[in-house]
Amino acid sequence: MLSTGAAKSQMPLPGAFGVGAASISPYNRPLKGSYVKQCASIAIETSCRRGGVALGMDDRIVASADFDASTRHAAQLITRLDELLKERGLRPGDLDHVYVSVGPGSFTGTRIGVTVGRTLAQAVAKIKCVAVSTPLVIAQNAGELSWRRLAVILDVRDSLVYARMFTRKDGRIEPSGEGRVVPAGEFLAAAPRPITLIGEGLSYHDLLDEGVTIPRPGDPSMHLPNAESLWRVGHEKAALGEFTDYRQLLPAYARKPRAQRVRERRNEP
């Protein structure tokens, strides 16, 4: 089971994300009857070391940007969001949907992405939120591969992995059962064969074995989440009406934060 932690919802947002209307260059202002009357959506991916944002209009992605999210997640995220909107002559008030990768993943990065999504929804009453599981985003990277069983593997330290199984149904990649935290060796011993494994956790755990396929080892485009895949999953969920009230938009953690685990061990009788 995933444990969830509350995200702080007050984060100062500079530029176009500050209080009041952003100034828009007349050269960037959208033509009347074009973008501003379409459904505008933003995808926010900050759950791992490679962050990204994607801007969609109706049913297509019109712009995206990746950034190094290993440090200064908040500053980089806000800068890229600001740039994407300004390039299209848009303001936060023009957005209709925000799709957020809610984890499991980096504690700090996931929390920041969730906080920015909540802040946008609080500031703009019409914005609807979609929470997307990060392993589901990663699973989309295997969409063009041939596989019978798929598992996304994330490292959660202490020789443990978070593993989530996926299957194909009517051409869609869907979760199969709940994610779980287990010792890496225990997962490998119990995993059905044949199985295809992807995910950032494979950089930390050797899970190659008979009947196990690891496509393109070390390739971020295969093993890390990305904003465009997040946008596609979020858009599909939005079309099905699977929205999350911004007050319930929370990061999903595979484990409790280390500091909390240490405190609990100290308090054990």
Foldseek 3Di string as FASTA:
>chain_A
DWDFDAFDQDDAFDALRHPDHHDADPVQADDPPPQLPFAWEKEWAQQEQKTKMWIDTHQDTDDMDIDGNPPPLQVVRSVRVNVVQNNNNHGLLSHQEYEYAQDPGDPVRNSNRLNVRLNSCVVHVRYFYHYDHFQLLLVVLCLPPDDAKEWEWADPDPQKIWIWIWGDDPSGIDTDDDIAIDRLVVCLVPPDAQYEYAAPCVVVDPSDDVRYHYPPPPDCSNHGGYRVSSVNVRSVCVVVVRTDDSSPRTHIHNDDDPVVVVVVVVPDD
